[in-house]
Amino acid sequence: KGRFTISRDNTKNTVYLQMNSLKPEDTAVYSCAAGVPSY
């Protein structure tokens, strides 16, 4: 929170994750996922 920003462009069917002030502990494999609203 405060470092990453998520956004989406429906015209391009694309979601973005802007990651700033990255730290070594952010090292990982990042995966995106899609789902319909649920409980």
ModelCIF file with pLDDT and N, C-alpha, C, O atoms, coordinates in Angstrom:
data_MODEL
#
_entry.id   MODEL 
#
_entity.id                         1 
_entity.type                       polymer 
_entity.pdbx_number_of_molecules   1 
#
_entity_poly.entity_id                      1 
_entity_poly.type                           'polypeptide(L)' 
_entity_poly.nstd_linkage                   no 
_entity_poly.nstd_monomer                   no 
_entity_poly.pdbx_seq_one_letter_code       KGRFTISRDNTKNTVYLQMNSLKPEDTAVYSCAAGVPSY 
_entity_poly.pdbx_seq_one_letter_code_can   KGRFTISRDNTKNTVYLQMNSLKPEDTAVYSCAAGVPSY 
_entity_poly.pdbx_strand_id                 A 
#
loop_
_entity_poly_seq.entity_id 
_entity_poly_seq.num 
_entity_poly_seq.mon_id 
_entity_poly_seq.hetero 
1 1  LYS n 
1 2  GLY n 
1 3  ARG n 
1 4  PHE n 
1 5  THR n 
1 6  ILE n 
1 7  SER n 
1 8  ARG n 
1 9  ASP n 
1 10 ASN n 
1 11 THR n 
1 12 LYS n 
1 13 ASN n 
1 14 THR n 
1 15 VAL n 
1 16 TYR n 
1 17 LEU n 
1 18 GLN n 
1 19 MET n 
1 20 ASN n 
1 21 SER n 
1 22 LEU n 
1 23 LYS n 
1 24 PRO n 
1 25 GLU n 
1 26 ASP n 
1 27 THR n 
1 28 ALA n 
1 29 VAL n 
1 30 TYR n 
1 31 SER n 
1 32 CYS n 
1 33 ALA n 
1 34 ALA n 
1 35 GLY n 
1 36 VAL n 
1 37 PRO n 
1 38 SER n 
1 39 TYR n 
#
_struct_asym.id          A 
_struct_asym.entity_id   1 
#
loop_
_ma_qa_metric.id 
_ma_qa_metric.mode 
_ma_qa_metric.name 
_ma_qa_metric.software_group_id 
_ma_qa_metric.type 
1 global pLDDT . pLDDT 
2 local  pLDDT . pLDDT 
#
_ma_qa_metric_global.metric_id      1 
_ma_qa_metric_global.metric_value   93.36 
_ma_qa_metric_global.model_id       1 
_ma_qa_metric_global.ordinal_id     1 
#
loop_
_ma_qa_metric_local.label_asym_id 
_ma_qa_metric_local.label_comp_id 
_ma_qa_metric_local.label_seq_id 
_ma_qa_metric_local.metric_id 
_ma_qa_metric_local.metric_value 
_ma_qa_metric_local.model_id 
_ma_qa_metric_local.ordinal_id 
A LYS 1  2 97.00 1 1  
A GLY 2  2 97.00 1 2  
A ARG 3  2 98.00 1 3  
A PHE 4  2 98.00 1 4  
A THR 5  2 97.00 1 5  
A ILE 6  2 96.00 1 6  
A SER 7  2 93.00 1 7  
A ARG 8  2 89.00 1 8  
A ASP 9  2 87.00 1 9  
A ASN 10 2 82.00 1 10 
A THR 11 2 85.00 1 11 
A LYS 12 2 88.00 1 12 
A ASN 13 2 88.00 1 13 
A THR 14 2 92.00 1 14 
A VAL 15 2 94.00 1 15 
A TYR 16 2 97.00 1 16 
A LEU 17 2 98.00 1 17 
A GLN 18 2 98.00 1 18 
A MET 19 2 98.00 1 19 
A ASN 20 2 98.00 1 20 
A SER 21 2 98.00 1 21 
A LEU 22 2 98.00 1 22 
A LYS 23 2 98.00 1 23 
A PRO 24 2 97.00 1 24 
A GLU 25 2 97.00 1 25 
A ASP 26 2 98.00 1 26 
A THR 27 2 98.00 1 27 
A ALA 28 2 98.00 1 28 
A VAL 29 2 98.00 1 29 
A TYR 30 2 98.00 1 30 
A SER 31 2 98.00 1 31 
A CYS 32 2 97.00 1 32 
A ALA 33 2 96.00 1 33 
A ALA 34 2 93.00 1 34 
A GLY 35 2 90.00 1 35 
A VAL 36 2 82.00 1 36 
A PRO 37 2 75.00 1 37 
A SER 38 2 79.00 1 38 
A TYR 39 2 83.00 1 39 
#
loop_
_atom_site.group_PDB 
_atom_site.id 
_atom_site.type_symbol 
_atom_site.label_atom_id 
_atom_site.label_alt_id 
_atom_site.label_comp_id 
_atom_site.label_asym_id 
_atom_site.label_entity_id 
_atom_site.label_seq_id 
_atom_site.pdbx_PDB_ins_code 
_atom_site.Cartn_x 
_atom_site.Cartn_y 
_atom_site.Cartn_z 
_atom_site.occupancy 
_atom_site.B_iso_or_equiv 
_atom_site.pdbx_formal_charge 
_atom_site.auth_seq_id 
_atom_site.auth_comp_id 
_atom_site.auth_asym_id 
_atom_site.auth_atom_id 
_atom_site.pdbx_PDB_model_num 
ATOM 1   N N  . LYS A 1 1  ? 0.838   -1.196  0.000   1.00 97.00 ? 1  LYS A N  1 
ATOM 2   C CA . LYS A 1 1  ? 0.000   0.000   0.000   1.00 97.00 ? 1  LYS A CA 1 
ATOM 3   C C  . LYS A 1 1  ? 0.875   1.248   0.000   1.00 97.00 ? 1  LYS A C  1 
ATOM 4   O O  . LYS A 1 1  ? 1.819   1.358   0.782   1.00 97.00 ? 1  LYS A O  1 
ATOM 5   N N  . GLY A 1 2  ? 0.552   2.175   -0.877  1.00 97.00 ? 2  GLY A N  1 
ATOM 6   C CA . GLY A 1 2  ? 1.318   3.403   -0.998  1.00 97.00 ? 2  GLY A CA 1 
ATOM 7   C C  . GLY A 1 2  ? 2.478   3.308   -1.975  1.00 97.00 ? 2  GLY A C  1 
ATOM 8   O O  . GLY A 1 2  ? 3.064   4.324   -2.348  1.00 97.00 ? 2  GLY A O  1 
ATOM 9   N N  . ARG A 1 3  ? 2.814   2.086   -2.392  1.00 98.00 ? 3  ARG A N  1 
ATOM 10  C CA . ARG A 1 3  ? 3.918   1.896   -3.345  1.00 98.00 ? 3  ARG A CA 1 
ATOM 11  C C  . ARG A 1 3  ? 3.430   1.346   -4.680  1.00 98.00 ? 3  ARG A C  1 
ATOM 12  O O  . ARG A 1 3  ? 3.982   1.681   -5.728  1.00 98.00 ? 3  ARG A O  1 
ATOM 13  N N  . PHE A 1 4  ? 2.412   0.514   -4.651  1.00 98.00 ? 4  PHE A N  1 
ATOM 14  C CA . PHE A 1 4  ? 1.888   -0.113  -5.864  1.00 98.00 ? 4  PHE A CA 1 
ATOM 15  C C  . PHE A 1 4  ? 0.543   0.513   -6.220  1.00 98.00 ? 4  PHE A C  1 
ATOM 16  O O  . PHE A 1 4  ? -0.222  0.922   -5.346  1.00 98.00 ? 4  PHE A O  1 
ATOM 17  N N  . THR A 1 5  ? 0.272   0.578   -7.527  1.00 97.00 ? 5  THR A N  1 
ATOM 18  C CA . THR A 1 5  ? -1.005  1.084   -8.005  1.00 97.00 ? 5  THR A CA 1 
ATOM 19  C C  . THR A 1 5  ? -1.529  0.161   -9.097  1.00 97.00 ? 5  THR A C  1 
ATOM 20  O O  . THR A 1 5  ? -0.834  -0.132  -10.070 1.00 97.00 ? 5  THR A O  1 
ATOM 21  N N  . ILE A 1 6  ? -2.755  -0.287  -8.920  1.00 96.00 ? 6  ILE A N  1 
ATOM 22  C CA . ILE A 1 6  ? -3.386  -1.134  -9.918  1.00 96.00 ? 6  ILE A CA 1 
ATOM 23  C C  . ILE A 1 6  ? -4.342  -0.293  -10.753 1.00 96.00 ? 6  ILE A C  1 
ATOM 24  O O  . ILE A 1 6  ? -4.989  0.621   -10.242 1.00 96.00 ? 6  ILE A O  1 
ATOM 25  N N  . SER A 1 7  ? -4.425  -0.607  -12.027 1.00 93.00 ? 7  SER A N  1 
ATOM 26  C CA . SER A 1 7  ? -5.352  0.099   -12.909 1.00 93.00 ? 7  SER A CA 1 
ATOM 27  C C  . SER A 1 7  ? -5.761  -0.855  -14.024 1.00 93.00 ? 7  SER A C  1 
ATOM 28  O O  . SER A 1 7  ? -5.147  -1.905  -14.218 1.00 93.00 ? 7  SER A O  1 
ATOM 29  N N  . ARG A 1 8  ? -6.796  -0.478  -14.746 1.00 89.00 ? 8  ARG A N  1 
ATOM 30  C CA . ARG A 1 8  ? -7.240  -1.319  -15.853 1.00 89.00 ? 8  ARG A CA 1 
ATOM 31  C C  . ARG A 1 8  ? -7.693  -0.460  -17.011 1.00 89.00 ? 8  ARG A C  1 
ATOM 32  O O  . ARG A 1 8  ? -8.207  0.642   -16.818 1.00 89.00 ? 8  ARG A O  1 
ATOM 33  N N  . ASP A 1 9  ? -7.502  -0.963  -18.203 1.00 87.00 ? 9  ASP A N  1 
ATOM 34  C CA . ASP A 1 9  ? -7.956  -0.309  -19.427 1.00 87.00 ? 9  ASP A CA 1 
ATOM 35  C C  . ASP A 1 9  ? -8.834  -1.316  -20.150 1.00 87.00 ? 9  ASP A C  1 
ATOM 36  O O  . ASP A 1 9  ? -8.338  -2.227  -20.813 1.00 87.00 ? 9  ASP A O  1 
ATOM 37  N N  . ASN A 1 10 ? -10.144 -1.143  -20.018 1.00 82.00 ? 10 ASN A N  1 
ATOM 38  C CA . ASN A 1 10 ? -11.058 -2.110  -20.608 1.00 82.00 ? 10 ASN A CA 1 
ATOM 39  C C  . ASN A 1 10 ? -11.023 -2.085  -22.130 1.00 82.00 ? 10 ASN A C  1 
ATOM 40  O O  . ASN A 1 10 ? -11.356 -3.084  -22.769 1.00 82.00 ? 10 ASN A O  1 
ATOM 41  N N  . THR A 1 11 ? -10.625 -0.962  -22.721 1.00 85.00 ? 11 THR A N  1 
ATOM 42  C CA . THR A 1 11 ? -10.546 -0.885  -24.187 1.00 85.00 ? 11 THR A CA 1 
ATOM 43  C C  . THR A 1 11 ? -9.421  -1.777  -24.709 1.00 85.00 ? 11 THR A C  1 
ATOM 44  O O  . THR A 1 11 ? -9.446  -2.216  -25.859 1.00 85.00 ? 11 THR A O  1 
ATOM 45  N N  . LYS A 1 12 ? -8.450  -2.035  -23.863 1.00 88.00 ? 12 LYS A N  1 
ATOM 46  C CA . LYS A 1 12 ? -7.325  -2.891  -24.250 1.00 88.00 ? 12 LYS A CA 1 
ATOM 47  C C  . LYS A 1 12 ? -7.356  -4.239  -23.536 1.00 88.00 ? 12 LYS A C  1 
ATOM 48  O O  . LYS A 1 12 ? -6.470  -5.071  -23.735 1.00 88.00 ? 12 LYS A O  1 
ATOM 49  N N  . ASN A 1 13 ? -8.377  -4.456  -22.705 1.00 88.00 ? 13 ASN A N  1 
ATOM 50  C CA . ASN A 1 13 ? -8.465  -5.692  -21.923 1.00 88.00 ? 13 ASN A CA 1 
ATOM 51  C C  . ASN A 1 13 ? -7.171  -5.954  -21.158 1.00 88.00 ? 13 ASN A C  1 
ATOM 52  O O  . ASN A 1 13 ? -6.661  -7.075  -21.132 1.00 88.00 ? 13 ASN A O  1 
ATOM 53  N N  . THR A 1 14 ? -6.663  -4.916  -20.550 1.00 92.00 ? 14 THR A N  1 
ATOM 54  C CA . THR A 1 14 ? -5.373  -5.013  -19.871 1.00 92.00 ? 14 THR A CA 1 
ATOM 55  C C  . THR A 1 14 ? -5.453  -4.413  -18.478 1.00 92.00 ? 14 THR A C  1 
ATOM 56  O O  . THR A 1 14 ? -6.087  -3.381  -18.258 1.00 92.00 ? 14 THR A O  1 
ATOM 57  N N  . VAL A 1 15 ? -4.796  -5.086  -17.545 1.00 94.00 ? 15 VAL A N  1 
ATOM 58  C CA . VAL A 1 15 ? -4.669  -4.596  -16.176 1.00 94.00 ? 15 VAL A CA 1 
ATOM 59  C C  . VAL A 1 15 ? -3.191  -4.320  -15.918 1.00 94.00 ? 15 VAL A C  1 
ATOM 60  O O  . VAL A 1 15 ? -2.320  -5.071  -16.357 1.00 94.00 ? 15 VAL A O  1 
ATOM 61  N N  . TYR A 1 16 ? -2.930  -3.258  -15.217 1.00 97.00 ? 16 TYR A N  1 
ATOM 62  C CA . TYR A 1 16 ? -1.550  -2.856  -14.950 1.00 97.00 ? 16 TYR A CA 1 
ATOM 63  C C  . TYR A 1 16 ? -1.287  -2.860  -13.446 1.00 97.00 ? 16 TYR A C  1 
ATOM 64  O O  . TYR A 1 16 ? -2.191  -2.662  -12.634 1.00 97.00 ? 16 TYR A O  1 
ATOM 65  N N  . LEU A 1 17 ? -0.036  -3.089  -13.108 1.00 98.00 ? 17 LEU A N  1 
ATOM 66  C CA . LEU A 1 17 ? 0.405   -2.946  -11.718 1.00 98.00 ? 17 LEU A CA 1 
ATOM 67  C C  . LEU A 1 17 ? 1.675   -2.115  -11.741 1.00 98.00 ? 17 LEU A C  1 
ATOM 68  O O  . LEU A 1 17 ? 2.748   -2.602  -12.097 1.00 98.00 ? 17 LEU A O  1 
ATOM 69  N N  . GLN A 1 18 ? 1.537   -0.867  -11.359 1.00 98.00 ? 18 GLN A N  1 
ATOM 70  C CA . GLN A 1 18 ? 2.692   0.030   -11.266 1.00 98.00 ? 18 GLN A CA 1 
ATOM 71  C C  . GLN A 1 18 ? 3.335   -0.177  -9.910  1.00 98.00 ? 18 GLN A C  1 
ATOM 72  O O  . GLN A 1 18 ? 2.693   0.002   -8.875  1.00 98.00 ? 18 GLN A O  1 
ATOM 73  N N  . MET A 1 19 ? 4.594   -0.552  -9.914  1.00 98.00 ? 19 MET A N  1 
ATOM 74  C CA . MET A 1 19 ? 5.296   -0.851  -8.678  1.00 98.00 ? 19 MET A CA 1 
ATOM 75  C C  . MET A 1 19 ? 6.437   0.147   -8.507  1.00 98.00 ? 19 MET A C  1 
ATOM 76  O O  . MET A 1 19 ? 7.374   0.173   -9.305  1.00 98.00 ? 19 MET A O  1 
ATOM 77  N N  . ASN A 1 20 ? 6.353   0.954   -7.476  1.00 98.00 ? 20 ASN A N  1 
ATOM 78  C CA . ASN A 1 20 ? 7.377   1.957   -7.169  1.00 98.00 ? 20 ASN A CA 1 
ATOM 79  C C  . ASN A 1 20 ? 8.047   1.626   -5.852  1.00 98.00 ? 20 ASN A C  1 
ATOM 80  O O  . ASN A 1 20 ? 7.533   0.834   -5.062  1.00 98.00 ? 20 ASN A O  1 
ATOM 81  N N  . SER A 1 21 ? 9.179   2.229   -5.624  1.00 98.00 ? 21 SER A N  1 
ATOM 82  C CA . SER A 1 21 ? 9.923   2.044   -4.365  1.00 98.00 ? 21 SER A CA 1 
ATOM 83  C C  . SER A 1 21 ? 10.085  0.559   -4.052  1.00 98.00 ? 21 SER A C  1 
ATOM 84  O O  . SER A 1 21 ? 9.825   0.117   -2.933  1.00 98.00 ? 21 SER A O  1 
ATOM 85  N N  . LEU A 1 22 ? 10.507  -0.183  -5.029  1.00 98.00 ? 22 LEU A N  1 
ATOM 86  C CA . LEU A 1 22 ? 10.610  -1.628  -4.864  1.00 98.00 ? 22 LEU A CA 1 
ATOM 87  C C  . LEU A 1 22 ? 11.657  -2.001  -3.829  1.00 98.00 ? 22 LEU A C  1 
ATOM 88  O O  . LEU A 1 22 ? 12.678  -1.330  -3.678  1.00 98.00 ? 22 LEU A O  1 
ATOM 89  N N  . LYS A 1 23 ? 11.378  -3.084  -3.120  1.00 98.00 ? 23 LYS A N  1 
ATOM 90  C CA . LYS A 1 23 ? 12.256  -3.588  -2.071  1.00 98.00 ? 23 LYS A CA 1 
ATOM 91  C C  . LYS A 1 23 ? 12.671  -5.016  -2.419  1.00 98.00 ? 23 LYS A C  1 
ATOM 92  O O  . LYS A 1 23 ? 11.973  -5.697  -3.170  1.00 98.00 ? 23 LYS A O  1 
ATOM 93  N N  . PRO A 1 24 ? 13.791  -5.470  -1.882  1.00 97.00 ? 24 PRO A N  1 
ATOM 94  C CA . PRO A 1 24 ? 14.207  -6.855  -2.150  1.00 97.00 ? 24 PRO A CA 1 
ATOM 95  C C  . PRO A 1 24 ? 13.131  -7.868  -1.774  1.00 97.00 ? 24 PRO A C  1 
ATOM 96  O O  . PRO A 1 24 ? 13.017  -8.913  -2.415  1.00 97.00 ? 24 PRO A O  1 
ATOM 97  N N  . GLU A 1 25 ? 12.352  -7.577  -0.759  1.00 97.00 ? 25 GLU A N  1 
ATOM 98  C CA . GLU A 1 25 ? 11.303  -8.511  -0.347  1.00 97.00 ? 25 GLU A CA 1 
ATOM 99  C C  . GLU A 1 25 ? 10.130  -8.551  -1.318  1.00 97.00 ? 25 GLU A C  1 
ATOM 100 O O  . GLU A 1 25 ? 9.218   -9.359  -1.142  1.00 97.00 ? 25 GLU A O  1 
ATOM 101 N N  . ASP A 1 26 ? 10.133  -7.702  -2.334  1.00 98.00 ? 26 ASP A N  1 
ATOM 102 C CA . ASP A 1 26 ? 9.114   -7.765  -3.377  1.00 98.00 ? 26 ASP A CA 1 
ATOM 103 C C  . ASP A 1 26 ? 9.475   -8.797  -4.445  1.00 98.00 ? 26 ASP A C  1 
ATOM 104 O O  . ASP A 1 26 ? 8.681   -9.070  -5.345  1.00 98.00 ? 26 ASP A O  1 
ATOM 105 N N  . THR A 1 27 ? 10.654  -9.357  -4.342  1.00 98.00 ? 27 THR A N  1 
ATOM 106 C CA . THR A 1 27 ? 11.089  -10.352 -5.311  1.00 98.00 ? 27 THR A CA 1 
ATOM 107 C C  . THR A 1 27 ? 10.172  -11.571 -5.278  1.00 98.00 ? 27 THR A C  1 
ATOM 108 O O  . THR A 1 27 ? 9.968   -12.181 -4.228  1.00 98.00 ? 27 THR A O  1 
ATOM 109 N N  . ALA A 1 28 ? 9.624   -11.915 -6.441  1.00 98.00 ? 28 ALA A N  1 
ATOM 110 C CA . ALA A 1 28 ? 8.677   -13.024 -6.530  1.00 98.00 ? 28 ALA A CA 1 
ATOM 111 C C  . ALA A 1 28 ? 8.245   -13.191 -7.981  1.00 98.00 ? 28 ALA A C  1 
ATOM 112 O O  . ALA A 1 28 ? 8.574   -12.380 -8.846  1.00 98.00 ? 28 ALA A O  1 
ATOM 113 N N  . VAL A 1 29 ? 7.505   -14.258 -8.220  1.00 98.00 ? 29 VAL A N  1 
ATOM 114 C CA . VAL A 1 29 ? 6.790   -14.415 -9.479  1.00 98.00 ? 29 VAL A CA 1 
ATOM 115 C C  . VAL A 1 29 ? 5.413   -13.799 -9.286  1.00 98.00 ? 29 VAL A C  1 
ATOM 116 O O  . VAL A 1 29 ? 4.665   -14.177 -8.384  1.00 98.00 ? 29 VAL A O  1 
ATOM 117 N N  . TYR A 1 30 ? 5.099   -12.852 -10.145 1.00 98.00 ? 30 TYR A N  1 
ATOM 118 C CA . TYR A 1 30 ? 3.820   -12.150 -10.057 1.00 98.00 ? 30 TYR A CA 1 
ATOM 119 C C  . TYR A 1 30 ? 2.858   -12.719 -11.102 1.00 98.00 ? 30 TYR A C  1 
ATOM 120 O O  . TYR A 1 30 ? 3.193   -12.845 -12.280 1.00 98.00 ? 30 TYR A O  1 
ATOM 121 N N  . SER A 1 31 ? 1.659   -13.058 -10.636 1.00 98.00 ? 31 SER A N  1 
ATOM 122 C CA . SER A 1 31 ? 0.651   -13.631 -11.526 1.00 98.00 ? 31 SER A CA 1 
ATOM 123 C C  . SER A 1 31 ? -0.622  -12.810 -11.456 1.00 98.00 ? 31 SER A C  1 
ATOM 124 O O  . SER A 1 31 ? -1.008  -12.331 -10.389 1.00 98.00 ? 31 SER A O  1 
ATOM 125 N N  . CYS A 1 32 ? -1.261  -12.654 -12.584 1.00 97.00 ? 32 CYS A N  1 
ATOM 126 C CA . CYS A 1 32 ? -2.557  -11.993 -12.581 1.00 97.00 ? 32 CYS A CA 1 
ATOM 127 C C  . CYS A 1 32 ? -3.651  -13.040 -12.656 1.00 97.00 ? 32 CYS A C  1 
ATOM 128 O O  . CYS A 1 32 ? -3.431  -14.166 -13.102 1.00 97.00 ? 32 CYS A O  1 
ATOM 129 N N  . ALA A 1 33 ? -4.818  -12.652 -12.216 1.00 96.00 ? 33 ALA A N  1 
ATOM 130 C CA . ALA A 1 33 ? -5.941  -13.572 -12.150 1.00 96.00 ? 33 ALA A CA 1 
ATOM 131 C C  . ALA A 1 33 ? -7.232  -12.821 -12.430 1.00 96.00 ? 33 ALA A C  1 
ATOM 132 O O  . ALA A 1 33 ? -7.320  -11.611 -12.221 1.00 96.00 ? 33 ALA A O  1 
ATOM 133 N N  . ALA A 1 34 ? -8.227  -13.549 -12.903 1.00 93.00 ? 34 ALA A N  1 
ATOM 134 C CA . ALA A 1 34 ? -9.526  -12.957 -13.211 1.00 93.00 ? 34 ALA A CA 1 
ATOM 135 C C  . ALA A 1 34 ? -10.629 -13.820 -12.629 1.00 93.00 ? 34 ALA A C  1 
ATOM 136 O O  . ALA A 1 34 ? -10.546 -15.049 -12.636 1.00 93.00 ? 34 ALA A O  1 
ATOM 137 N N  . GLY A 1 35 ? -11.662 -13.162 -12.124 1.00 90.00 ? 35 GLY A N  1 
ATOM 138 C CA . GLY A 1 35 ? -12.779 -13.895 -11.571 1.00 90.00 ? 35 GLY A CA 1 
ATOM 139 C C  . GLY A 1 35 ? -14.032 -13.057 -11.571 1.00 90.00 ? 35 GLY A C  1 
ATOM 140 O O  . GLY A 1 35 ? -13.966 -11.829 -11.630 1.00 90.00 ? 35 GLY A O  1 
ATOM 141 N N  . VAL A 1 36 ? -15.168 -13.710 -11.505 1.00 82.00 ? 36 VAL A N  1 
ATOM 142 C CA . VAL A 1 36 ? -16.428 -12.984 -11.380 1.00 82.00 ? 36 VAL A CA 1 
ATOM 143 C C  . VAL A 1 36 ? -16.668 -12.699 -9.901  1.00 82.00 ? 36 VAL A C  1 
ATOM 144 O O  . VAL A 1 36 ? -16.173 -13.428 -9.041  1.00 82.00 ? 36 VAL A O  1 
ATOM 145 N N  . PRO A 1 37 ? -17.426 -11.640 -9.600  1.00 75.00 ? 37 PRO A N  1 
ATOM 146 C CA . PRO A 1 37 ? -17.696 -11.336 -8.193  1.00 75.00 ? 37 PRO A CA 1 
ATOM 147 C C  . PRO A 1 37 ? -18.311 -12.533 -7.478  1.00 75.00 ? 37 PRO A C  1 
ATOM 148 O O  . PRO A 1 37 ? -19.204 -13.196 -8.007  1.00 75.00 ? 37 PRO A O  1 
ATOM 149 N N  . SER A 1 38 ? -17.829 -12.800 -6.281  1.00 79.00 ? 38 SER A N  1 
ATOM 150 C CA . SER A 1 38 ? -18.299 -13.943 -5.502  1.00 79.00 ? 38 SER A CA 1 
ATOM 151 C C  . SER A 1 38 ? -18.261 -13.575 -4.031  1.00 79.00 ? 38 SER A C  1 
ATOM 152 O O  . SER A 1 38 ? -17.944 -12.442 -3.669  1.00 79.00 ? 38 SER A O  1 
ATOM 153 N N  . TYR A 1 39 ? -18.587 -14.544 -3.189  1.00 83.00 ? 39 TYR A N  1 
ATOM 154 C CA . TYR A 1 39 ? -18.561 -14.263 -1.753  1.00 83.00 ? 39 TYR A CA 1 
ATOM 155 C C  . TYR A 1 39 ? -17.149 -14.361 -1.190  1.00 83.00 ? 39 TYR A C  1 
ATOM 156 O O  . TYR A 1 39 ? -16.945 -14.154 0.006   1.00 83.00 ? 39 TYR A O  1 
#
